Amino acid sequence: MQKRSVTLSGHPTSISVEKEFWDVLKSIARERQQTISSLISHLDREREGNLSSAIRLFVLREIQEKKENSFRN
């Protein structure tokens, strides 16, 4: 588990997620040509529940979607 500091809506906050989730989240942000902060801000606005869980679920959904798309092609 790693604690990371980010700024959301102008306020510093810390997020604890496992390194593996953080690495994939950074990769997704790069693919979308977004900063990690802007991607997390988007997740923060859309979430239900705590932010760490929202990040994990987002990463999981992204991986599942890529896997499904690879089977279709």
PDB file of N, CA and C in Angstrom:
ATOM      1  N   MET A   1       0.860  -1.174   0.000  1.00  0.00           N
ATOM      2  CA  MET A   1       0.000   0.000   0.000  1.00  0.00           C
ATOM      3  C   MET A   1       0.898   1.225   0.000  1.00  0.00           C
ATOM      4  N   GLN A   2       0.586   2.161  -0.872  1.00  0.00           N
ATOM      5  CA  GLN A   2       1.348   3.402  -0.919  1.00  0.00           C
ATOM      6  C   GLN A   2       0.406   4.580  -0.763  1.00  0.00           C
ATOM      7  N   LYS A   3       0.817   5.534   0.045  1.00  0.00           N
ATOM      8  CA  LYS A   3       0.050   6.751   0.227  1.00  0.00           C
ATOM      9  C   LYS A   3       0.627   7.801  -0.718  1.00  0.00           C
ATOM     10  N   ARG A   4      -0.229   8.412  -1.521  1.00  0.00           N
ATOM     11  CA  ARG A   4       0.178   9.451  -2.473  1.00  0.00           C
ATOM     12  C   ARG A   4      -0.563  10.733  -2.156  1.00  0.00           C
ATOM     13  N   SER A   5       0.103  11.843  -2.354  1.00  0.00           N
ATOM     14  CA  SER A   5      -0.524  13.147  -2.161  1.00  0.00           C
ATOM     15  C   SER A   5      -0.894  13.725  -3.519  1.00  0.00           C
ATOM     16  N   VAL A   6      -2.129  14.184  -3.632  1.00  0.00           N
ATOM     17  CA  VAL A   6      -2.610  14.846  -4.843  1.00  0.00           C
ATOM     18  C   VAL A   6      -3.427  16.054  -4.437  1.00  0.00           C
ATOM     19  N   THR A   7      -3.642  16.953  -5.382  1.00  0.00           N
ATOM     20  CA  THR A   7      -4.487  18.114  -5.140  1.00  0.00           C
ATOM     21  C   THR A   7      -5.783  17.936  -5.911  1.00  0.00           C
ATOM     22  N   LEU A   8      -6.907  17.992  -5.207  1.00  0.00           N
ATOM     23  CA  LEU A   8      -8.228  17.857  -5.813  1.00  0.00           C
ATOM     24  C   LEU A   8      -9.031  19.107  -5.516  1.00  0.00           C
ATOM     25  N   SER A   9      -9.468  19.762  -6.558  1.00  0.00           N
ATOM     26  CA  SER A   9     -10.244  20.997  -6.416  1.00  0.00           C
ATOM     27  C   SER A   9      -9.498  22.006  -5.546  1.00  0.00           C
ATOM     28  N   GLY A  10      -8.190  22.077  -5.722  1.00  0.00           N
ATOM     29  CA  GLY A  10      -7.378  23.038  -4.990  1.00  0.00           C
ATOM     30  C   GLY A  10      -7.033  22.647  -3.572  1.00  0.00           C
ATOM     31  N   HIS A  11      -7.421  21.447  -3.153  1.00  0.00           N
ATOM     32  CA  HIS A  11      -7.166  21.001  -1.784  1.00  0.00           C
ATOM     33  C   HIS A  11      -6.273  19.767  -1.794  1.00  0.00           C
ATOM     34  N   PRO A  12      -5.206  19.784  -1.006  1.00  0.00           N
ATOM     35  CA  PRO A  12      -4.353  18.593  -0.942  1.00  0.00           C
ATOM     36  C   PRO A  12      -5.065  17.458  -0.216  1.00  0.00           C
ATOM     37  N   THR A  13      -4.866  16.266  -0.723  1.00  0.00           N
ATOM     38  CA  THR A  13      -5.434  15.081  -0.076  1.00  0.00           C
ATOM     39  C   THR A  13      -4.476  13.929  -0.299  1.00  0.00           C
ATOM     40  N   SER A  14      -4.602  12.903   0.497  1.00  0.00           N
ATOM     41  CA  SER A  14      -3.758  11.730   0.295  1.00  0.00           C
ATOM     42  C   SER A  14      -4.647  10.530  -0.026  1.00  0.00           C
ATOM     43  N   ILE A  15      -4.098   9.684  -0.867  1.00  0.00           N
ATOM     44  CA  ILE A  15      -4.814   8.499  -1.333  1.00  0.00           C
ATOM     45  C   ILE A  15      -3.927   7.299  -1.082  1.00  0.00           C
ATOM     46  N   SER A  16      -4.494   6.258  -0.528  1.00  0.00           N
ATOM     47  CA  SER A  16      -3.745   5.021  -0.313  1.00  0.00           C
ATOM     48  C   SER A  16      -4.267   3.948  -1.253  1.00  0.00           C
ATOM     49  N   VAL A  17      -3.417   3.560  -2.197  1.00  0.00           N
ATOM     50  CA  VAL A  17      -3.726   2.440  -3.085  1.00  0.00           C
ATOM     51  C   VAL A  17      -2.450   1.634  -3.305  1.00  0.00           C
ATOM     52  N   GLU A  18      -2.633   0.396  -3.647  1.00  0.00           N
ATOM     53  CA  GLU A  18      -1.495  -0.466  -3.908  1.00  0.00           C
ATOM     54  C   GLU A  18      -0.716   0.045  -5.128  1.00  0.00           C
ATOM     55  N   LYS A  19       0.589  -0.209  -5.121  1.00  0.00           N
ATOM     56  CA  LYS A  19       1.476   0.256  -6.185  1.00  0.00           C
ATOM     57  C   LYS A  19       0.992  -0.207  -7.558  1.00  0.00           C
ATOM     58  N   GLU A  20       0.500  -1.435  -7.644  1.00  0.00           N
ATOM     59  CA  GLU A  20       0.052  -1.975  -8.927  1.00  0.00           C
ATOM     60  C   GLU A  20      -1.113  -1.167  -9.499  1.00  0.00           C
ATOM     61  N   PHE A  21      -2.059  -0.777  -8.649  1.00  0.00           N
ATOM     62  CA  PHE A  21      -3.175   0.053  -9.114  1.00  0.00           C
ATOM     63  C   PHE A  21      -2.677   1.430  -9.522  1.00  0.00           C
ATOM     64  N   TRP A  22      -1.760   1.979  -8.733  1.00  0.00           N
ATOM     65  CA  TRP A  22      -1.221   3.304  -9.040  1.00  0.00           C
ATOM     66  C   TRP A  22      -0.498   3.291 -10.389  1.00  0.00           C
ATOM     67  N   ASP A  23       0.285   2.252 -10.636  1.00  0.00           N
ATOM     68  CA  ASP A  23       1.019   2.150 -11.895  1.00  0.00           C
ATOM     69  C   ASP A  23       0.075   2.086 -13.095  1.00  0.00           C
ATOM     70  N   VAL A  24      -0.975   1.294 -12.982  1.00  0.00           N
ATOM     71  CA  VAL A  24      -1.944   1.191 -14.081  1.00  0.00           C
ATOM     72  C   VAL A  24      -2.693   2.514 -14.246  1.00  0.00           C
ATOM     73  N   LEU A  25      -3.041   3.156 -13.154  1.00  0.00           N
ATOM     74  CA  LEU A  25      -3.726   4.446 -13.223  1.00  0.00           C
ATOM     75  C   LEU A  25      -2.868   5.471 -13.953  1.00  0.00           C
ATOM     76  N   LYS A  26      -1.574   5.516 -13.655  1.00  0.00           N
ATOM     77  CA  LYS A  26      -0.656   6.426 -14.344  1.00  0.00           C
ATOM     78  C   LYS A  26      -0.601   6.105 -15.835  1.00  0.00           C
ATOM     79  N   SER A  27      -0.599   4.840 -16.173  1.00  0.00           N
ATOM     80  CA  SER A  27      -0.572   4.418 -17.574  1.00  0.00           C
ATOM     81  C   SER A  27      -1.841   4.857 -18.305  1.00  0.00           C
ATOM     82  N   ILE A  28      -2.975   4.709 -17.659  1.00  0.00           N
ATOM     83  CA  ILE A  28      -4.256   5.133 -18.246  1.00  0.00           C
ATOM     84  C   ILE A  28      -4.248   6.639 -18.474  1.00  0.00           C
ATOM     85  N   ALA A  29      -3.765   7.377 -17.501  1.00  0.00           N
ATOM     86  CA  ALA A  29      -3.689   8.840 -17.640  1.00  0.00           C
ATOM     87  C   ALA A  29      -2.818   9.208 -18.839  1.00  0.00           C
ATOM     88  N   ARG A  30      -1.672   8.541 -18.989  1.00  0.00           N
ATOM     89  CA  ARG A  30      -0.786   8.806 -20.139  1.00  0.00           C
ATOM     90  C   ARG A  30      -1.492   8.512 -21.452  1.00  0.00           C
ATOM     91  N   GLU A  31      -2.179   7.362 -21.522  1.00  0.00           N
ATOM     92  CA  GLU A  31      -2.900   6.976 -22.738  1.00  0.00           C
ATOM     93  C   GLU A  31      -3.956   8.014 -23.105  1.00  0.00           C
ATOM     94  N   ARG A  32      -4.587   8.591 -22.100  1.00  0.00           N
ATOM     95  CA  ARG A  32      -5.638   9.590 -22.322  1.00  0.00           C
ATOM     96  C   ARG A  32      -5.068  11.004 -22.451  1.00  0.00           C
ATOM     97  N   GLN A  33      -3.759  11.113 -22.350  1.00  0.00           N
ATOM     98  CA  GLN A  33      -3.072  12.402 -22.388  1.00  0.00           C
ATOM     99  C   GLN A  33      -3.634  13.356 -21.332  1.00  0.00           C
ATOM    100  N   GLN A  34      -3.759  12.807 -20.136  1.00  0.00           N
ATOM    101  CA  GLN A  34      -4.235  13.536 -18.962  1.00  0.00           C
ATOM    102  C   GLN A  34      -3.167  13.488 -17.889  1.00  0.00           C
ATOM    103  N   THR A  35      -3.221  14.429 -16.990  1.00  0.00           N
ATOM    104  CA  THR A  35      -2.381  14.311 -15.807  1.00  0.00           C
ATOM    105  C   THR A  35      -3.064  13.345 -14.848  1.00  0.00           C
ATOM    106  N   ILE A  36      -2.276  12.777 -13.972  1.00  0.00           N
ATOM    107  CA  ILE A  36      -2.842  11.882 -12.968  1.00  0.00           C
ATOM    108  C   ILE A  36      -3.832  12.643 -12.084  1.00  0.00           C
ATOM    109  N   SER A  37      -3.520  13.898 -11.791  1.00  0.00           N
ATOM    110  CA  SER A  37      -4.420  14.710 -10.956  1.00  0.00           C
ATOM    111  C   SER A  37      -5.753  14.959 -11.635  1.00  0.00           C
ATOM    112  N   SER A  38      -5.736  15.219 -12.944  1.00  0.00           N
ATOM    113  CA  SER A  38      -7.010  15.475 -13.632  1.00  0.00           C
ATOM    114  C   SER A  38      -7.851  14.204 -13.709  1.00  0.00           C
ATOM    115  N   LEU A  39      -7.206  13.068 -13.913  1.00  0.00           N
ATOM    116  CA  LEU A  39      -7.946  11.812 -13.946  1.00  0.00           C
ATOM    117  C   LEU A  39      -8.540  11.506 -12.574  1.00  0.00           C
ATOM    118  N   ILE A  40      -7.755  11.676 -11.526  1.00  0.00           N
ATOM    119  CA  ILE A  40      -8.265  11.427 -10.173  1.00  0.00           C
ATOM    120  C   ILE A  40      -9.368  12.420  -9.824  1.00  0.00           C
ATOM    121  N   SER A  41      -9.242  13.664 -10.251  1.00  0.00           N
ATOM    122  CA  SER A  41     -10.294  14.661 -10.001  1.00  0.00           C
ATOM    123  C   SER A  41     -11.602  14.225 -10.638  1.00  0.00           C
ATOM    124  N   HIS A  42     -11.511  13.699 -11.860  1.00  0.00           N
ATOM    125  CA  HIS A  42     -12.711  13.198 -12.547  1.00  0.00           C
ATOM    126  C   HIS A  42     -13.330  12.044 -11.755  1.00  0.00           C
ATOM    127  N   LEU A  43     -12.485  11.103 -11.320  1.00  0.00           N
ATOM    128  CA  LEU A  43     -12.987   9.973 -10.530  1.00  0.00           C
ATOM    129  C   LEU A  43     -13.609  10.446  -9.223  1.00  0.00           C
ATOM    130  N   ASP A  44     -13.007  11.462  -8.629  1.00  0.00           N
ATOM    131  CA  ASP A  44     -13.513  12.008  -7.371  1.00  0.00           C
ATOM    132  C   ASP A  44     -14.918  12.583  -7.546  1.00  0.00           C
ATOM    133  N   ARG A  45     -15.140  13.269  -8.644  1.00  0.00           N
ATOM    134  CA  ARG A  45     -16.467  13.858  -8.901  1.00  0.00           C
ATOM    135  C   ARG A  45     -17.530  12.799  -9.170  1.00  0.00           C
ATOM    136  N   GLU A  46     -17.128  11.677  -9.763  1.00  0.00           N
ATOM    137  CA  GLU A  46     -18.079  10.650 -10.190  1.00  0.00           C
ATOM    138  C   GLU A  46     -18.292   9.531  -9.170  1.00  0.00           C
ATOM    139  N   ARG A  47     -17.498   9.513  -8.143  1.00  0.00           N
ATOM    140  CA  ARG A  47     -17.474   8.342  -7.259  1.00  0.00           C
ATOM    141  C   ARG A  47     -18.671   8.234  -6.335  1.00  0.00           C
ATOM    142  N   GLU A  48     -18.886   6.976  -5.915  1.00  0.00           N
ATOM    143  CA  GLU A  48     -19.784   6.637  -4.824  1.00  0.00           C
ATOM    144  C   GLU A  48     -18.925   5.829  -3.867  1.00  0.00           C
ATOM    145  N   GLY A  49     -18.771   6.269  -2.657  1.00  0.00           N
ATOM    146  CA  GLY A  49     -17.879   5.586  -1.731  1.00  0.00           C
ATOM    147  C   GLY A  49     -16.555   6.309  -1.638  1.00  0.00           C
ATOM    148  N   ASN A  50     -15.550   5.631  -1.090  1.00  0.00           N
ATOM    149  CA  ASN A  50     -14.283   6.330  -0.889  1.00  0.00           C
ATOM    150  C   ASN A  50     -13.441   6.355  -2.161  1.00  0.00           C
ATOM    151  N   LEU A  51     -12.535   7.293  -2.233  1.00  0.00           N
ATOM    152  CA  LEU A  51     -11.763   7.542  -3.445  1.00  0.00           C
ATOM    153  C   LEU A  51     -10.811   6.386  -3.765  1.00  0.00           C
ATOM    154  N   SER A  52     -10.188   5.797  -2.783  1.00  0.00           N
ATOM    155  CA  SER A  52      -9.296   4.671  -3.043  1.00  0.00           C
ATOM    156  C   SER A  52     -10.044   3.519  -3.703  1.00  0.00           C
ATOM    157  N   SER A  53     -11.223   3.231  -3.234  1.00  0.00           N
ATOM    158  CA  SER A  53     -12.044   2.169  -3.844  1.00  0.00           C
ATOM    159  C   SER A  53     -12.458   2.557  -5.259  1.00  0.00           C
ATOM    160  N   ALA A  54     -12.805   3.810  -5.457  1.00  0.00           N
ATOM    161  CA  ALA A  54     -13.200   4.284  -6.789  1.00  0.00           C
ATOM    162  C   ALA A  54     -12.042   4.113  -7.780  1.00  0.00           C
ATOM    163  N   ILE A  55     -10.829   4.383  -7.343  1.00  0.00           N
ATOM    164  CA  ILE A  55      -9.658   4.211  -8.209  1.00  0.00           C
ATOM    165  C   ILE A  55      -9.474   2.742  -8.562  1.00  0.00           C
ATOM    166  N   ARG A  56      -9.570   1.871  -7.575  1.00  0.00           N
ATOM    167  CA  ARG A  56      -9.401   0.441  -7.835  1.00  0.00           C
ATOM    168  C   ARG A  56     -10.460  -0.073  -8.809  1.00  0.00           C
ATOM    169  N   LEU A  57     -11.702   0.335  -8.598  1.00  0.00           N
ATOM    170  CA  LEU A  57     -12.784  -0.112  -9.490  1.00  0.00           C
ATOM    171  C   LEU A  57     -12.606   0.444 -10.896  1.00  0.00           C
ATOM    172  N   PHE A  58     -12.168   1.688 -11.018  1.00  0.00           N
ATOM    173  CA  PHE A  58     -11.923   2.278 -12.326  1.00  0.00           C
ATOM    174  C   PHE A  58     -10.838   1.499 -13.062  1.00  0.00           C
ATOM    175  N   VAL A  59      -9.738   1.211 -12.391  1.00  0.00           N
ATOM    176  CA  VAL A  59      -8.642   0.457 -13.010  1.00  0.00           C
ATOM    177  C   VAL A  59      -9.142  -0.919 -13.443  1.00  0.00           C
ATOM    178  N   LEU A  60      -9.882  -1.591 -12.583  1.00  0.00           N
ATOM    179  CA  LEU A  60     -10.412  -2.912 -12.910  1.00  0.00           C
ATOM    180  C   LEU A  60     -11.310  -2.847 -14.144  1.00  0.00           C
ATOM    181  N   ARG A  61     -12.206  -1.874 -14.186  1.00  0.00           N
ATOM    182  CA  ARG A  61     -13.104  -1.736 -15.345  1.00  0.00           C
ATOM    183  C   ARG A  61     -12.327  -1.462 -16.632  1.00  0.00           C
ATOM    184  N   GLU A  62     -11.317  -0.621 -16.549  1.00  0.00           N
ATOM    185  CA  GLU A  62     -10.500  -0.312 -17.726  1.00  0.00           C
ATOM    186  C   GLU A  62      -9.805  -1.570 -18.245  1.00  0.00           C
ATOM    187  N   ILE A  63      -9.258  -2.368 -17.355  1.00  0.00           N
ATOM    188  CA  ILE A  63      -8.582  -3.608 -17.754  1.00  0.00           C
ATOM    189  C   ILE A  63      -9.585  -4.583 -18.360  1.00  0.00           C
ATOM    190  N   GLN A  64     -10.747  -4.703 -17.737  1.00  0.00           N
ATOM    191  CA  GLN A  64     -11.774  -5.596 -18.266  1.00  0.00           C
ATOM    192  C   GLN A  64     -12.222  -5.150 -19.656  1.00  0.00           C
ATOM    193  N   GLU A  65     -12.407  -3.860 -19.848  1.00  0.00           N
ATOM    194  CA  GLU A  65     -12.840  -3.335 -21.135  1.00  0.00           C
ATOM    195  C   GLU A  65     -11.789  -3.602 -22.216  1.00  0.00           C
ATOM    196  N   LYS A  66     -10.521  -3.397 -21.894  1.00  0.00           N
ATOM    197  CA  LYS A  66      -9.445  -3.670 -22.858  1.00  0.00           C
ATOM    198  C   LYS A  66      -9.406  -5.152 -23.207  1.00  0.00           C
ATOM    199  N   LYS A  67      -9.614  -5.993 -22.208  1.00  0.00           N
ATOM    200  CA  LYS A  67      -9.613  -7.433 -22.454  1.00  0.00           C
ATOM    201  C   LYS A  67     -10.769  -7.816 -23.370  1.00  0.00           C
ATOM    202  N   GLU A  68     -11.957  -7.290 -23.105  1.00  0.00           N
ATOM    203  CA  GLU A  68     -13.117  -7.581 -23.954  1.00  0.00           C
ATOM    204  C   GLU A  68     -12.896  -7.082 -25.368  1.00  0.00           C
ATOM    205  N   ASN A  69     -12.332  -5.905 -25.509  1.00  0.00           N
ATOM    206  CA  ASN A  69     -12.076  -5.349 -26.836  1.00  0.00           C
ATOM    207  C   ASN A  69     -11.049  -6.177 -27.595  1.00  0.00           C
ATOM    208  N   SER A  70     -10.076  -6.729 -26.915  1.00  0.00           N
ATOM    209  CA  SER A  70      -9.056  -7.544 -27.582  1.00  0.00           C
ATOM    210  C   SER A  70      -9.669  -8.855 -28.093  1.00  0.00           C
ATOM    211  N   PHE A  71     -10.681  -9.389 -27.395  1.00  0.00           N
ATOM    212  CA  PHE A  71     -11.358 -10.598 -27.861  1.00  0.00           C
ATOM    213  C   PHE A  71     -12.232 -10.315 -29.079  1.00  0.00           C
ATOM    214  N   ARG A  72     -12.767  -9.120 -29.175  1.00  0.00           N
ATOM    215  CA  ARG A  72     -13.647  -8.755 -30.293  1.00  0.00           C
ATOM    216  C   ARG A  72     -12.866  -8.517 -31.575  1.00  0.00           C
ATOM    217  N   ASN A  73     -11.622  -8.113 -31.437  1.00  0.00           N
ATOM    218  CA  ASN A  73     -10.823  -7.778 -32.631  1.00  0.00           C
ATOM    219  C   ASN A  73     -10.073  -8.948 -33.167  1.00  0.00           C
TER     220      ASN A  73
END
